[in-house]
Protein backbone atom coordinates (compact mmCIF):
# COMPACT_ATOMS: atom_id res chain seq x y z
CA UNK A 1 -2.72 15.26 -55.53
CA UNK A 2 -2.74 11.98 -57.33
CA UNK A 3 0.66 12.63 -59.27
CA UNK A 4 3.86 14.14 -58.53
CA UNK A 5 6.38 15.02 -61.00
CA UNK A 6 9.97 15.27 -59.24
CA UNK A 7 13.44 16.65 -60.34
CA UNK A 8 16.03 13.69 -60.59
CA UNK A 9 16.02 12.12 -57.28
CA UNK A 10 19.09 12.02 -55.26
CA UNK A 11 20.18 9.53 -52.10
CA UNK A 12 23.04 11.31 -50.33
CA UNK A 13 23.95 8.29 -48.38
CA UNK A 14 23.68 4.54 -49.55
CA UNK A 15 25.34 1.56 -48.67
CA UNK A 16 25.48 -1.21 -51.39
CA UNK A 17 28.06 -3.73 -50.12
CA UNK A 18 30.08 -6.22 -51.89
CA UNK A 19 29.57 -9.68 -53.40
CA UNK A 20 26.70 -11.49 -53.85
CA UNK A 21 24.61 -8.91 -51.80
CA UNK A 22 26.24 -6.05 -53.82
CA UNK A 23 24.45 -7.67 -56.86
CA UNK A 24 21.09 -8.10 -55.28
CA UNK A 25 20.80 -4.05 -54.03
CA UNK A 26 22.62 -2.00 -56.65
CA UNK A 27 19.94 -2.46 -59.24
CA UNK A 28 17.50 -1.68 -56.49
CA UNK A 29 18.65 2.03 -56.36
CA UNK A 30 17.01 2.91 -59.74
CA UNK A 31 13.95 0.76 -58.89
CA UNK A 32 13.40 3.19 -55.97
CA UNK A 33 13.31 6.26 -58.16
CA UNK A 34 16.94 7.39 -57.38
CA UNK A 35 19.11 8.82 -60.33
CA UNK A 36 22.13 9.71 -58.20
CA UNK A 37 23.55 8.14 -55.31
CA UNK A 38 26.16 9.07 -52.93
CA UNK A 39 28.03 5.50 -51.97
CA UNK A 40 29.51 4.51 -48.53
CA UNK A 41 32.89 3.32 -47.87
CA UNK A 42 32.55 1.33 -45.15
CA UNK A 43 33.27 -2.19 -46.79
CA UNK A 44 35.56 -5.17 -45.88
CA UNK A 45 38.25 -3.77 -46.54
CA UNK A 46 37.07 0.03 -46.27
CA UNK A 47 37.75 2.22 -49.11
CA UNK A 48 41.03 4.16 -47.65
CA UNK A 49 42.74 5.32 -51.14
CA UNK A 50 41.39 6.54 -54.40
CA UNK A 51 42.38 3.25 -56.29
CA UNK A 52 40.13 1.70 -54.04
CA UNK A 53 37.20 3.80 -54.38
CA UNK A 54 37.53 4.12 -58.05
CA UNK A 55 37.36 0.50 -58.51
CA UNK A 56 34.52 0.10 -56.30
CA UNK A 57 32.75 2.65 -58.17
CA UNK A 58 33.64 0.52 -61.65
CA UNK A 59 32.15 -2.44 -60.30
CA UNK A 60 28.67 -0.29 -59.57
CA UNK A 61 28.49 1.02 -62.50
CA UNK A 62 28.70 -2.31 -64.48
CA UNK A 63 26.04 -3.63 -62.41
CA UNK A 64 23.89 -0.55 -62.86
CA UNK A 65 25.42 1.74 -65.84
CA UNK A 66 22.15 4.36 -65.86
CA UNK A 67 22.50 5.03 -62.28
CA UNK A 68 25.34 7.95 -61.69
CA UNK A 69 27.28 6.64 -58.43
CA UNK A 70 29.41 9.10 -56.52
CA UNK A 71 32.55 7.64 -54.68
CA UNK A 72 33.54 8.06 -51.24
CA UNK A 73 36.80 7.34 -49.21
CA UNK A 74 37.26 6.24 -45.61
CA UNK A 75 38.80 8.75 -43.15
CA UNK A 76 41.82 6.97 -41.45
CA UNK A 77 45.00 8.15 -39.77
CA UNK A 78 46.88 6.95 -43.16
CA UNK A 79 44.99 9.73 -45.28
CA UNK A 80 47.35 12.54 -46.36
CA UNK A 81 46.98 15.59 -48.02
CA UNK A 82 48.73 14.11 -50.93
CA UNK A 83 45.94 11.35 -51.04
CA UNK A 84 43.07 14.29 -50.60
CA UNK A 85 44.64 15.58 -54.15
CA UNK A 86 44.90 12.34 -55.64
CA UNK A 87 41.18 11.58 -55.08
CA UNK A 88 39.94 14.65 -55.76
CA UNK A 89 41.50 14.44 -59.44
CA UNK A 90 40.15 10.83 -59.74
CA UNK A 91 36.70 12.26 -59.23
CA UNK A 92 36.16 10.96 -55.59
CA UNK A 93 33.50 13.48 -53.98
CA UNK A 94 34.16 13.29 -50.28
CA UNK A 95 35.45 11.49 -47.21
CA UNK A 96 33.50 9.43 -44.67
CA UNK A 97 34.21 9.90 -40.82
CA UNK A 98 33.14 6.95 -38.55
CA UNK A 99 33.61 7.30 -34.91
CA UNK A 100 35.26 3.98 -34.12
CA UNK A 101 33.44 0.78 -33.35
CA UNK A 102 29.80 2.76 -33.40
CA UNK A 103 28.52 1.22 -36.61
CA UNK A 104 29.01 -1.78 -39.25
CA UNK A 105 32.70 -1.93 -40.44
CA UNK A 106 33.91 1.08 -38.40
CA UNK A 107 37.04 -0.66 -36.49
CA UNK A 108 39.02 1.62 -38.34
CA UNK A 109 37.39 4.96 -37.48
CA UNK A 110 38.11 7.94 -35.35
CA UNK A 111 38.75 7.04 -31.72
CA UNK A 112 40.37 8.64 -28.54
CA UNK A 113 42.66 10.79 -30.87
CA UNK A 114 40.00 12.77 -31.82
CA UNK A 115 39.78 14.84 -34.94
CA UNK A 116 42.34 17.53 -34.28
CA UNK A 117 44.87 14.78 -35.90
CA UNK A 118 43.12 15.41 -39.26
CA UNK A 119 43.50 19.09 -39.59
CA UNK A 120 45.95 18.51 -42.36
CA UNK A 121 43.67 16.49 -44.57
CA UNK A 122 40.85 18.26 -43.78
CA UNK A 123 42.41 21.84 -44.91
CA UNK A 124 43.20 19.99 -47.94
CA UNK A 125 39.91 19.29 -48.58
CA UNK A 126 38.83 22.55 -47.83
CA UNK A 127 41.14 23.52 -50.60
CA UNK A 128 40.39 21.35 -53.25
CA UNK A 129 36.37 21.67 -52.64
CA UNK A 130 35.86 18.14 -51.39
CA UNK A 131 32.91 17.02 -49.01
CA UNK A 132 33.61 15.87 -45.39
CA UNK A 133 30.73 13.39 -44.46
CA UNK A 134 30.28 12.82 -40.54
CA UNK A 135 28.71 9.93 -39.00
CA UNK A 136 27.55 12.05 -35.96
CA UNK A 137 28.17 10.07 -32.69
CA UNK A 138 30.84 9.58 -30.23
CA UNK A 139 31.33 6.19 -28.75
CA UNK A 140 29.29 4.90 -25.93
CA UNK A 141 30.89 5.04 -22.40
CA UNK A 142 28.36 3.83 -19.95
CA UNK A 143 30.90 3.78 -17.17
CA UNK A 144 32.97 6.44 -17.66
CA UNK A 145 31.33 9.77 -18.75
CA UNK A 146 27.84 7.94 -19.09
CA UNK A 147 27.77 8.40 -22.95
CA UNK A 148 24.94 5.85 -24.28
CA UNK A 149 23.25 5.57 -27.53
CA UNK A 150 20.27 8.14 -26.91
CA UNK A 151 22.72 10.89 -26.30
CA UNK A 152 26.04 10.19 -28.48
CA UNK A 153 24.69 12.43 -31.20
CA UNK A 154 24.12 15.67 -28.96
CA UNK A 155 27.56 14.80 -27.55
CA UNK A 156 29.25 14.73 -31.11
CA UNK A 157 27.97 18.21 -31.93
CA UNK A 158 30.82 20.39 -30.37
CA UNK A 159 33.27 18.20 -32.86
CA UNK A 160 30.87 19.23 -35.56
CA UNK A 161 31.13 22.85 -34.43
CA UNK A 162 34.93 22.86 -33.95
CA UNK A 163 35.78 21.30 -37.47
CA UNK A 164 33.65 24.17 -39.13
CA UNK A 165 35.18 26.65 -36.97
CA UNK A 166 38.75 25.81 -38.16
CA UNK A 167 37.67 25.04 -41.75
CA UNK A 168 35.11 27.53 -42.38
CA UNK A 169 34.77 26.86 -46.16
CA UNK A 170 34.85 23.00 -45.84
CA UNK A 171 31.59 21.34 -47.21
CA UNK A 172 29.86 19.32 -44.26
CA UNK A 173 27.24 16.95 -44.09
CA UNK A 174 26.19 15.38 -40.77
CA UNK A 175 24.87 12.16 -41.73
CA UNK A 176 21.44 10.80 -40.77
CA UNK A 177 20.71 13.36 -37.82
CA UNK A 178 18.21 12.18 -35.35
CA UNK A 179 17.70 14.58 -32.85
CA UNK A 180 16.37 18.15 -32.06
CA UNK A 181 19.56 19.11 -31.05
CA UNK A 182 21.55 18.48 -34.19
CA UNK A 183 18.40 19.85 -36.21
CA UNK A 184 19.36 23.53 -34.21
CA UNK A 185 22.67 23.13 -34.58
CA UNK A 186 22.88 22.75 -38.41
CA UNK A 187 20.49 25.57 -38.53
CA UNK A 188 23.08 28.05 -36.96
CA UNK A 189 25.32 27.33 -39.55
CA UNK A 190 26.10 28.61 -43.07
CA UNK A 191 24.58 26.73 -46.35
CA UNK A 192 28.01 24.92 -46.52
CA UNK A 193 26.96 22.80 -43.68
CA UNK A 194 24.31 20.63 -43.96
CA UNK A 195 22.49 17.22 -42.84
CA UNK A 196 20.84 14.12 -44.15
CA UNK A 197 17.80 12.75 -42.79
CA UNK A 198 16.52 9.08 -43.62
CA UNK A 199 12.90 8.25 -43.98
CA UNK A 200 13.43 5.52 -41.26
CA UNK A 201 13.85 8.36 -38.62
CA UNK A 202 10.65 10.31 -40.12
CA UNK A 203 8.84 7.52 -39.10
CA UNK A 204 10.59 5.40 -36.17
CA UNK A 205 10.97 6.64 -32.48
CA UNK A 206 12.85 4.86 -29.64
CA UNK A 207 9.78 2.79 -28.77
CA UNK A 208 10.03 0.71 -32.15
CA UNK A 209 13.58 0.82 -32.20
CA UNK A 210 13.88 -1.47 -29.12
CA UNK A 211 10.96 -3.57 -30.31
CA UNK A 212 12.30 -5.08 -33.65
CA UNK A 213 15.64 -5.74 -34.91
CA UNK A 214 14.03 -4.61 -38.33
CA UNK A 215 13.86 -1.12 -36.67
CA UNK A 216 17.28 -1.15 -35.20
CA UNK A 217 19.93 1.06 -37.06
CA UNK A 218 23.06 3.37 -35.76
CA UNK A 219 22.20 6.16 -35.06
CA UNK A 220 19.01 4.82 -33.24
CA UNK A 221 15.93 6.43 -33.56
CA UNK A 222 15.13 9.01 -30.69
CA UNK A 223 12.48 10.24 -28.81
CA UNK A 224 8.98 11.70 -30.03
CA UNK A 225 10.04 15.24 -29.90
CA UNK A 226 13.28 14.67 -31.80
CA UNK A 227 11.12 13.03 -34.65
CA UNK A 228 8.73 15.87 -34.55
CA UNK A 229 11.80 18.23 -35.17
CA UNK A 230 13.23 16.61 -38.08
CA UNK A 231 9.57 16.75 -39.45
CA UNK A 232 9.20 20.15 -38.75
CA UNK A 233 12.89 21.13 -40.40
CA UNK A 234 11.52 19.55 -43.69
CA UNK A 235 8.22 21.22 -43.55
CA UNK A 236 10.00 24.47 -43.00
CA UNK A 237 11.70 23.31 -46.53
CA UNK A 238 14.88 24.49 -45.02
CA UNK A 239 17.77 23.82 -47.94
CA UNK A 240 20.21 22.48 -45.51
CA UNK A 241 18.34 19.24 -44.85
CA UNK A 242 17.83 16.84 -47.37
CA UNK A 243 17.50 12.83 -48.02
CA UNK A 244 20.31 10.50 -47.13
CA UNK A 245 18.53 7.12 -46.74
CA UNK A 246 21.17 5.42 -45.24
CA UNK A 247 19.62 2.29 -46.88
CA UNK A 248 21.86 -0.36 -45.23
CA UNK A 249 21.18 -3.83 -46.35
CA UNK A 250 22.26 -7.03 -44.15
CA UNK A 251 21.45 -10.71 -44.63
CA UNK A 252 18.88 -11.78 -42.33
CA UNK A 253 21.07 -14.27 -40.41
CA UNK A 254 22.64 -11.08 -39.24
CA UNK A 255 19.72 -8.83 -38.52
CA UNK A 256 17.69 -11.56 -37.07
CA UNK A 257 20.17 -14.10 -35.46
CA UNK A 258 18.59 -16.74 -33.80
CA UNK A 259 19.69 -19.23 -30.71
CA UNK A 260 21.00 -22.17 -32.43
CA UNK A 261 20.55 -25.84 -30.31
CA UNK A 262 22.24 -28.88 -31.96
CA UNK A 263 23.17 -32.16 -30.20
CA UNK A 264 26.66 -32.36 -29.05
CA UNK A 265 28.97 -35.28 -29.56
CA UNK A 266 30.22 -35.48 -25.94
CA UNK A 267 29.29 -37.99 -23.25
CA UNK A 268 25.56 -38.14 -22.16
CA UNK A 269 24.07 -36.64 -25.43
CA UNK A 270 23.44 -33.22 -24.11
CA UNK A 271 22.81 -30.49 -26.61
CA UNK A 272 25.20 -27.79 -27.77
CA UNK A 273 23.65 -24.17 -27.52
CA UNK A 274 25.01 -21.73 -29.73
CA UNK A 275 24.04 -17.99 -28.57
CA UNK A 276 22.77 -15.30 -31.32
CA UNK A 277 25.28 -12.87 -32.36
CA UNK A 278 24.20 -9.21 -31.81
CA UNK A 279 21.94 -7.73 -34.11
CA UNK A 280 23.29 -5.81 -37.24
CA UNK A 281 22.67 -2.35 -37.34
CA UNK A 282 20.78 -1.07 -40.54
CA UNK A 283 17.45 -0.62 -42.19
CA UNK A 284 17.05 -1.29 -45.97
CA UNK A 285 15.05 1.21 -48.24
CA UNK A 286 16.54 1.47 -51.51
CA UNK A 287 14.02 -0.77 -53.51
CA UNK A 288 11.11 1.39 -52.47
CA UNK A 289 12.85 4.52 -51.42
CA UNK A 290 10.96 7.52 -52.99
CA UNK A 291 7.41 6.29 -52.70
CA UNK A 292 8.65 5.48 -49.35
CA UNK A 293 9.47 8.94 -48.48
CA UNK A 294 6.25 10.14 -50.22
CA UNK A 295 4.11 7.81 -48.03
CA UNK A 296 6.05 8.87 -44.78
CA UNK A 297 5.62 12.53 -45.49
CA UNK A 298 1.81 12.03 -45.79
CA UNK A 299 1.86 9.99 -42.23
CA UNK A 300 4.05 12.76 -40.73
CA UNK A 301 1.70 15.73 -41.98
CA UNK A 302 4.83 16.67 -44.41
CA UNK A 303 3.20 18.60 -47.42
CA UNK A 304 3.99 16.59 -50.63
CA UNK A 305 5.37 20.10 -52.29
CA UNK A 306 8.12 19.60 -49.91
CA UNK A 307 9.15 16.20 -51.67
CA UNK A 308 11.21 18.05 -54.54
CA UNK A 309 13.71 19.95 -52.38
CA UNK A 310 14.06 17.09 -49.87
CA UNK A 311 14.78 14.45 -52.55
CA UNK A 312 16.61 16.37 -55.37
CA UNK A 313 17.25 19.98 -55.20
CA UNK A 314 18.72 20.61 -51.87
CA UNK A 315 21.13 17.70 -51.92
CA UNK A 316 22.17 18.52 -55.67
CA UNK A 317 22.71 22.08 -54.59
CA UNK A 318 25.36 21.18 -52.10
CA UNK A 319 27.03 18.28 -53.77
CA UNK A 320 27.06 20.35 -57.22
CA UNK A 321 25.13 18.00 -59.47
CA UNK A 322 22.00 20.04 -60.71
CA UNK A 323 19.15 17.99 -61.93
CA UNK A 324 19.13 17.78 -65.99
CA UNK A 325 15.61 18.49 -67.47
CA UNK A 326 14.10 15.40 -68.94
CA UNK A 327 15.39 13.39 -66.14
CA UNK A 328 12.34 13.44 -64.04
CA UNK A 329 10.83 10.74 -62.02
CA UNK A 330 6.89 10.62 -61.71
CA UNK A 331 5.24 9.12 -58.70
CA UNK A 332 1.38 8.40 -58.88
CA UNK A 333 -0.97 7.51 -55.97
CA UNK A 334 -2.19 3.88 -55.33
CA UNK A 335 -5.62 3.25 -54.85
CA UNK A 336 -5.68 0.70 -51.76
CA UNK A 337 -1.82 0.96 -51.47
CA UNK A 338 1.15 -1.07 -52.97
CA UNK A 339 2.67 -3.81 -50.85
CA UNK A 340 6.49 -3.76 -49.94
CA UNK A 341 8.14 -6.77 -50.43
CA UNK A 342 8.30 -9.03 -47.60
CA UNK A 343 12.01 -9.85 -48.37
CA UNK A 344 14.26 -10.13 -51.15
CA UNK A 345 16.45 -13.38 -51.77
CA UNK A 346 19.76 -14.00 -52.90
CA UNK A 347 22.38 -17.08 -52.97
CA UNK A 348 25.63 -17.51 -51.32
CA UNK A 349 27.95 -20.27 -51.01
CA UNK A 350 26.77 -20.92 -47.65
CA UNK A 351 22.95 -20.94 -48.90
CA UNK A 352 19.93 -18.77 -49.59
CA UNK A 353 19.76 -15.39 -47.63
CA UNK A 354 17.38 -12.94 -47.44
CA UNK A 355 17.19 -8.98 -46.80
CA UNK A 356 14.30 -7.93 -45.25
CA UNK A 357 13.26 -4.38 -46.07
CA UNK A 358 11.44 -1.41 -43.82
CA UNK A 359 8.00 -1.71 -43.74
CA UNK A 360 8.13 -5.36 -45.13
CA UNK A 361 4.30 -6.28 -46.19
CA UNK A 362 2.96 -2.94 -45.56
CA UNK A 363 1.25 -0.55 -48.06
CA UNK A 364 2.81 2.41 -49.48
CA UNK A 365 0.74 4.94 -51.07
CA UNK A 366 2.61 5.74 -53.77
CA UNK A 367 4.54 4.28 -56.83
CA UNK A 368 6.67 4.97 -59.62
CA UNK A 369 4.88 5.85 -62.76
CA UNK A 370 8.07 6.91 -64.76
CA UNK A 371 11.66 6.70 -64.30
């Protein structure tokens, strides 16, 4: 197979940031082969009201008018059933839940209060048919209950089951699932509960995640057996599992922080050392997304005829945006491969910055022939 025709691809989980970085990455969504994109709300400040989400959507659409962006809101204690009704009327598609402090810009997320305090909000979402998107981890508690990044997803699953038990008709997406436990859990639930899978979690395991900041994301890549479960559920063409890239750009200074040593203006002329900040969690894939997925499928022994369901049909079915005839994307095989860019540069007031993509400098076996 040297050519693949795909119904209009849908990325059900993408981060597009703000300001100069937003201007860089928003056009990459279409370049990577995606026509419909569900955009995350963890900005600074987060998108906690319908007005903020609609205003952000207008910014995205101005930068890429031919891409269909779907807006979301950030779950906080200030969210009310009345705001849910307003959001639904304004075209906001869903509400994203973040566990407090677990990932980028999640300080305003769900903490020790748990999810029961949101019953009125979830009930209204079920009534108006909005989607609840769950970052499926609990915060680490290594000195208490012993939770760490490797079991944070498995320990979240009882929350998913309880929310579904209370609100059986609510559409729920367990975002960027990484474990065999999550796969098996979602498979036991009805079709209105689904999960997204990223291409990098199909490629990576914990070995790579701890070896390079460029492979570090939340949730972190897990064991080989977990990766095998993700691959197998896609091979099975299970309609409750579909593409959500979790493409998350970070400036290189945040993604690859370095030690800073400079002369200090103190007696003795000693040097002042500034320790690096923690590495930002996130992997950037938007600019090559659909060719990347095809390449990872082949490397993972996933049949290429699984692509259409995974990158388009299954996700569009849950979200209610069927692909339009004539809006296909065509991939073609590249003899010798096509190299992923080493980095994407952009200017900030403080100077030139870079976003380094997943598989930077490596070759993909596919490219986009027609958008």
